[in-house]
């Protein structure tokens, strides 16, 4: 097992719109579309918590 702390997984506290697969993953987890994820990030920034609140208020 490696103790290399520099290799970490994706930051799930932030929503990245730079990769299609990340948009699809976020859209699937929030039961919405990638376009709505982009809209939310544009409106409230890339904080996952704020994006969840924005998407939740739009349903």
PDB file of N, CA and C in Angstrom:
ATOM      1  N   UNK A   1       0.855  -1.176   0.000  1.00  0.00           N
ATOM      2  CA  UNK A   1       0.000   0.000   0.000  1.00  0.00           C
ATOM      3  C   UNK A   1       0.897   1.235   0.000  1.00  0.00           C
ATOM      4  N   UNK A   2       0.553   2.190  -0.796  1.00  0.00           N
ATOM      5  CA  UNK A   2       1.345   3.404  -0.931  1.00  0.00           C
ATOM      6  C   UNK A   2       0.944   4.441   0.112  1.00  0.00           C
ATOM      7  N   UNK A   3       1.950   5.178   0.569  1.00  0.00           N
ATOM      8  CA  UNK A   3       1.692   6.276   1.493  1.00  0.00           C
ATOM      9  C   UNK A   3       1.801   7.616   0.795  1.00  0.00           C
ATOM     10  N   UNK A   4       1.773   7.608  -0.523  1.00  0.00           N
ATOM     11  CA  UNK A   4       1.922   8.834  -1.306  1.00  0.00           C
ATOM     12  C   UNK A   4       0.644   9.656  -1.203  1.00  0.00           C
ATOM     13  N   UNK A   5       0.691  10.723  -0.418  1.00  0.00           N
ATOM     14  CA  UNK A   5      -0.488  11.561  -0.192  1.00  0.00           C
ATOM     15  C   UNK A   5      -0.740  12.537  -1.335  1.00  0.00           C
ATOM     16  N   UNK A   6       0.192  12.620  -2.297  1.00  0.00           N
ATOM     17  CA  UNK A   6       0.003  13.551  -3.407  1.00  0.00           C
ATOM     18  C   UNK A   6      -0.978  13.017  -4.441  1.00  0.00           C
ATOM     19  N   UNK A   7      -1.251  11.724  -4.394  1.00  0.00           N
ATOM     20  CA  UNK A   7      -2.185  11.122  -5.348  1.00  0.00           C
ATOM     21  C   UNK A   7      -3.531  10.943  -4.668  1.00  0.00           C
ATOM     22  N   UNK A   8      -4.441  11.815  -5.007  1.00  0.00           N
ATOM     23  CA  UNK A   8      -5.766  11.765  -4.394  1.00  0.00           C
ATOM     24  C   UNK A   8      -6.822  11.659  -5.473  1.00  0.00           C
ATOM     25  N   UNK A   9      -8.023  11.302  -5.088  1.00  0.00           N
ATOM     26  CA  UNK A   9      -9.134  11.219  -6.018  1.00  0.00           C
ATOM     27  C   UNK A   9      -9.696  12.592  -6.327  1.00  0.00           C
ATOM     28  N   UNK A  10     -10.781  12.595  -7.040  1.00  0.00           N
ATOM     29  CA  UNK A  10     -11.436  13.848  -7.412  1.00  0.00           C
ATOM     30  C   UNK A  10     -11.924  14.583  -6.170  1.00  0.00           C
ATOM     31  N   UNK A  11     -11.909  15.883  -6.247  1.00  0.00           N
ATOM     32  CA  UNK A  11     -12.396  16.717  -5.145  1.00  0.00           C
ATOM     33  C   UNK A  11     -13.916  16.777  -5.244  1.00  0.00           C
ATOM     34  N   UNK A  12     -14.609  16.039  -4.399  1.00  0.00           N
ATOM     35  CA  UNK A  12     -16.068  15.984  -4.459  1.00  0.00           C
ATOM     36  C   UNK A  12     -16.712  17.187  -3.783  1.00  0.00           C
ATOM     37  N   UNK A  13     -15.896  18.125  -3.294  1.00  0.00           N
ATOM     38  CA  UNK A  13     -16.423  19.361  -2.731  1.00  0.00           C
ATOM     39  C   UNK A  13     -16.616  20.414  -3.815  1.00  0.00           C
ATOM     40  N   UNK A  14     -16.070  20.153  -4.992  1.00  0.00           N
ATOM     41  CA  UNK A  14     -16.134  21.097  -6.107  1.00  0.00           C
ATOM     42  C   UNK A  14     -16.709  20.401  -7.330  1.00  0.00           C
ATOM     43  N   UNK A  15     -17.487  21.129  -8.096  1.00  0.00           N
ATOM     44  CA  UNK A  15     -18.068  20.608  -9.329  1.00  0.00           C
ATOM     45  C   UNK A  15     -17.234  21.136 -10.488  1.00  0.00           C
ATOM     46  N   UNK A  16     -16.645  20.219 -11.236  1.00  0.00           N
ATOM     47  CA  UNK A  16     -15.839  20.606 -12.389  1.00  0.00           C
ATOM     48  C   UNK A  16     -16.672  20.468 -13.656  1.00  0.00           C
ATOM     49  N   UNK A  17     -16.642  21.496 -14.478  1.00  0.00           N
ATOM     50  CA  UNK A  17     -17.364  21.438 -15.752  1.00  0.00           C
ATOM     51  C   UNK A  17     -16.402  21.290 -16.921  1.00  0.00           C
ATOM     52  N   UNK A  18     -15.125  21.049 -16.630  1.00  0.00           N
ATOM     53  CA  UNK A  18     -14.121  20.990 -17.690  1.00  0.00           C
ATOM     54  C   UNK A  18     -14.061  19.643 -18.401  1.00  0.00           C
ATOM     55  N   UNK A  19     -14.610  18.603 -17.795  1.00  0.00           N
ATOM     56  CA  UNK A  19     -14.584  17.271 -18.396  1.00  0.00           C
ATOM     57  C   UNK A  19     -16.010  16.744 -18.552  1.00  0.00           C
ATOM     58  N   UNK A  20     -16.309  16.223 -19.740  1.00  0.00           N
ATOM     59  CA  UNK A  20     -17.652  15.701 -20.006  1.00  0.00           C
ATOM     60  C   UNK A  20     -18.054  14.601 -19.023  1.00  0.00           C
ATOM     61  N   UNK A  21     -17.115  13.698 -18.717  1.00  0.00           N
ATOM     62  CA  UNK A  21     -17.466  12.593 -17.820  1.00  0.00           C
ATOM     63  C   UNK A  21     -17.817  13.103 -16.422  1.00  0.00           C
ATOM     64  N   UNK A  22     -17.169  14.183 -15.980  1.00  0.00           N
ATOM     65  CA  UNK A  22     -17.501  14.739 -14.667  1.00  0.00           C
ATOM     66  C   UNK A  22     -18.885  15.376 -14.691  1.00  0.00           C
ATOM     67  N   UNK A  23     -19.199  16.075 -15.765  1.00  0.00           N
ATOM     68  CA  UNK A  23     -20.545  16.652 -15.903  1.00  0.00           C
ATOM     69  C   UNK A  23     -21.603  15.557 -15.876  1.00  0.00           C
ATOM     70  N   UNK A  24     -21.355  14.471 -16.609  1.00  0.00           N
ATOM     71  CA  UNK A  24     -22.317  13.360 -16.635  1.00  0.00           C
ATOM     72  C   UNK A  24     -22.484  12.748 -15.245  1.00  0.00           C
ATOM     73  N   UNK A  25     -21.359  12.577 -14.532  1.00  0.00           N
ATOM     74  CA  UNK A  25     -21.431  11.999 -13.180  1.00  0.00           C
ATOM     75  C   UNK A  25     -22.235  12.885 -12.235  1.00  0.00           C
ATOM     76  N   UNK A  26     -21.959  14.185 -12.267  1.00  0.00           N
ATOM     77  CA  UNK A  26     -22.701  15.113 -11.401  1.00  0.00           C
ATOM     78  C   UNK A  26     -24.174  15.140 -11.789  1.00  0.00           C
ATOM     79  N   UNK A  27     -24.449  15.182 -13.085  1.00  0.00           N
ATOM     80  CA  UNK A  27     -25.840  15.213 -13.544  1.00  0.00           C
ATOM     81  C   UNK A  27     -26.587  13.959 -13.085  1.00  0.00           C
ATOM     82  N   UNK A  28     -25.944  12.813 -13.214  1.00  0.00           N
ATOM     83  CA  UNK A  28     -26.578  11.563 -12.790  1.00  0.00           C
ATOM     84  C   UNK A  28     -26.814  11.558 -11.283  1.00  0.00           C
ATOM     85  N   UNK A  29     -25.824  12.001 -10.515  1.00  0.00           N
ATOM     86  CA  UNK A  29     -25.967  11.961  -9.056  1.00  0.00           C
ATOM     87  C   UNK A  29     -27.016  12.949  -8.549  1.00  0.00           C
ATOM     88  N   UNK A  30     -27.259  14.022  -9.310  1.00  0.00           N
ATOM     89  CA  UNK A  30     -28.253  15.023  -8.903  1.00  0.00           C
ATOM     90  C   UNK A  30     -29.556  14.911  -9.695  1.00  0.00           C
ATOM     91  N   UNK A  31     -29.657  13.860 -10.514  1.00  0.00           N
ATOM     92  CA  UNK A  31     -30.874  13.597 -11.282  1.00  0.00           C
ATOM     93  C   UNK A  31     -31.283  14.797 -12.133  1.00  0.00           C
ATOM     94  N   UNK A  32     -30.322  15.293 -12.913  1.00  0.00           N
ATOM     95  CA  UNK A  32     -30.571  16.435 -13.784  1.00  0.00           C
ATOM     96  C   UNK A  32     -29.742  16.274 -15.053  1.00  0.00           C
ATOM     97  N   UNK A  33     -29.616  17.322 -15.822  1.00  0.00           N
ATOM     98  CA  UNK A  33     -28.855  17.271 -17.070  1.00  0.00           C
ATOM     99  C   UNK A  33     -27.507  17.975 -16.913  1.00  0.00           C
ATOM    100  N   UNK A  34     -26.537  17.621 -17.760  1.00  0.00           N
ATOM    101  CA  UNK A  34     -25.254  18.334 -17.739  1.00  0.00           C
ATOM    102  C   UNK A  34     -25.421  19.834 -17.977  1.00  0.00           C
ATOM    103  N   UNK A  35     -26.377  20.208 -18.790  1.00  0.00           N
ATOM    104  CA  UNK A  35     -26.627  21.626 -19.060  1.00  0.00           C
ATOM    105  C   UNK A  35     -27.066  22.355 -17.791  1.00  0.00           C
ATOM    106  N   UNK A  36     -27.906  21.697 -16.990  1.00  0.00           N
ATOM    107  CA  UNK A  36     -28.351  22.306 -15.728  1.00  0.00           C
ATOM    108  C   UNK A  36     -27.190  22.416 -14.734  1.00  0.00           C
ATOM    109  N   UNK A  37     -26.269  21.458 -14.773  1.00  0.00           N
ATOM    110  CA  UNK A  37     -25.081  21.540 -13.914  1.00  0.00           C
ATOM    111  C   UNK A  37     -24.255  22.758 -14.311  1.00  0.00           C
ATOM    112  N   UNK A  38     -24.042  22.950 -15.610  1.00  0.00           N
ATOM    113  CA  UNK A  38     -23.295  24.121 -16.087  1.00  0.00           C
ATOM    114  C   UNK A  38     -23.993  25.413 -15.672  1.00  0.00           C
ATOM    115  N   UNK A  39     -25.310  25.440 -15.804  1.00  0.00           N
ATOM    116  CA  UNK A  39     -26.093  26.615 -15.410  1.00  0.00           C
ATOM    117  C   UNK A  39     -25.913  26.905 -13.922  1.00  0.00           C
ATOM    118  N   UNK A  40     -25.969  25.857 -13.113  1.00  0.00           N
ATOM    119  CA  UNK A  40     -25.821  26.021 -11.668  1.00  0.00           C
ATOM    120  C   UNK A  40     -24.431  26.542 -11.310  1.00  0.00           C
ATOM    121  N   UNK A  41     -23.398  25.993 -11.932  1.00  0.00           N
ATOM    122  CA  UNK A  41     -22.028  26.441 -11.652  1.00  0.00           C
ATOM    123  C   UNK A  41     -21.854  27.897 -12.069  1.00  0.00           C
ATOM    124  N   UNK A  42     -22.445  28.275 -13.191  1.00  0.00           N
ATOM    125  CA  UNK A  42     -22.379  29.678 -13.628  1.00  0.00           C
ATOM    126  C   UNK A  42     -23.082  30.598 -12.636  1.00  0.00           C
ATOM    127  N   UNK A  43     -24.174  30.118 -12.064  1.00  0.00           N
ATOM    128  CA  UNK A  43     -24.976  30.943 -11.158  1.00  0.00           C
ATOM    129  C   UNK A  43     -24.391  31.041  -9.750  1.00  0.00           C
ATOM    130  N   UNK A  44     -23.883  29.920  -9.212  1.00  0.00           N
ATOM    131  CA  UNK A  44     -23.485  29.912  -7.799  1.00  0.00           C
ATOM    132  C   UNK A  44     -22.029  29.537  -7.547  1.00  0.00           C
ATOM    133  N   UNK A  45     -21.288  29.244  -8.595  1.00  0.00           N
ATOM    134  CA  UNK A  45     -19.898  28.826  -8.420  1.00  0.00           C
ATOM    135  C   UNK A  45     -19.785  27.315  -8.382  1.00  0.00           C
ATOM    136  N   UNK A  46     -18.572  26.814  -8.121  1.00  0.00           N
ATOM    137  CA  UNK A  46     -18.352  25.376  -8.224  1.00  0.00           C
ATOM    138  C   UNK A  46     -18.423  24.615  -6.900  1.00  0.00           C
ATOM    139  N   UNK A  47     -18.922  25.230  -5.862  1.00  0.00           N
ATOM    140  CA  UNK A  47     -19.118  24.526  -4.595  1.00  0.00           C
ATOM    141  C   UNK A  47     -20.222  23.478  -4.769  1.00  0.00           C
ATOM    142  N   UNK A  48     -19.886  22.230  -4.457  1.00  0.00           N
ATOM    143  CA  UNK A  48     -20.864  21.152  -4.615  1.00  0.00           C
ATOM    144  C   UNK A  48     -22.116  21.411  -3.779  1.00  0.00           C
ATOM    145  N   UNK A  49     -21.930  21.925  -2.580  1.00  0.00           N
ATOM    146  CA  UNK A  49     -23.073  22.206  -1.704  1.00  0.00           C
ATOM    147  C   UNK A  49     -24.005  23.246  -2.333  1.00  0.00           C
ATOM    148  N   UNK A  50     -23.434  24.319  -2.866  1.00  0.00           N
ATOM    149  CA  UNK A  50     -24.249  25.369  -3.476  1.00  0.00           C
ATOM    150  C   UNK A  50     -24.920  24.886  -4.754  1.00  0.00           C
ATOM    151  N   UNK A  51     -24.214  24.060  -5.525  1.00  0.00           N
ATOM    152  CA  UNK A  51     -24.814  23.504  -6.744  1.00  0.00           C
ATOM    153  C   UNK A  51     -25.987  22.603  -6.371  1.00  0.00           C
ATOM    154  N   UNK A  52     -25.823  21.780  -5.346  1.00  0.00           N
ATOM    155  CA  UNK A  52     -26.930  20.915  -4.890  1.00  0.00           C
ATOM    156  C   UNK A  52     -28.139  21.746  -4.467  1.00  0.00           C
ATOM    157  N   UNK A  53     -27.889  22.821  -3.727  1.00  0.00           N
ATOM    158  CA  UNK A  53     -28.988  23.692  -3.295  1.00  0.00           C
ATOM    159  C   UNK A  53     -29.676  24.330  -4.499  1.00  0.00           C
ATOM    160  N   UNK A  54     -28.897  24.801  -5.453  1.00  0.00           N
ATOM    161  CA  UNK A  54     -29.441  25.440  -6.647  1.00  0.00           C
ATOM    162  C   UNK A  54     -30.291  24.450  -7.441  1.00  0.00           C
ATOM    163  N   UNK A  55     -29.758  23.264  -7.674  1.00  0.00           N
ATOM    164  CA  UNK A  55     -30.488  22.239  -8.428  1.00  0.00           C
ATOM    165  C   UNK A  55     -31.740  21.820  -7.658  1.00  0.00           C
ATOM    166  N   UNK A  56     -31.629  21.652  -6.361  1.00  0.00           N
ATOM    167  CA  UNK A  56     -32.768  21.245  -5.531  1.00  0.00           C
ATOM    168  C   UNK A  56     -33.887  22.261  -5.545  1.00  0.00           C
ATOM    169  N   UNK A  57     -33.555  23.531  -5.629  1.00  0.00           N
ATOM    170  CA  UNK A  57     -34.555  24.590  -5.657  1.00  0.00           C
ATOM    171  C   UNK A  57     -35.195  24.778  -7.012  1.00  0.00           C
ATOM    172  N   UNK A  58     -34.619  24.176  -8.038  1.00  0.00           N
ATOM    173  CA  UNK A  58     -35.104  24.341  -9.409  1.00  0.00           C
ATOM    174  C   UNK A  58     -36.030  23.234  -9.866  1.00  0.00           C
ATOM    175  N   UNK A  59     -36.171  22.175  -9.076  1.00  0.00           N
ATOM    176  CA  UNK A  59     -36.996  21.031  -9.509  1.00  0.00           C
ATOM    177  C   UNK A  59     -38.460  21.366  -9.493  1.00  0.00           C
TER     178      UNK A  59
END
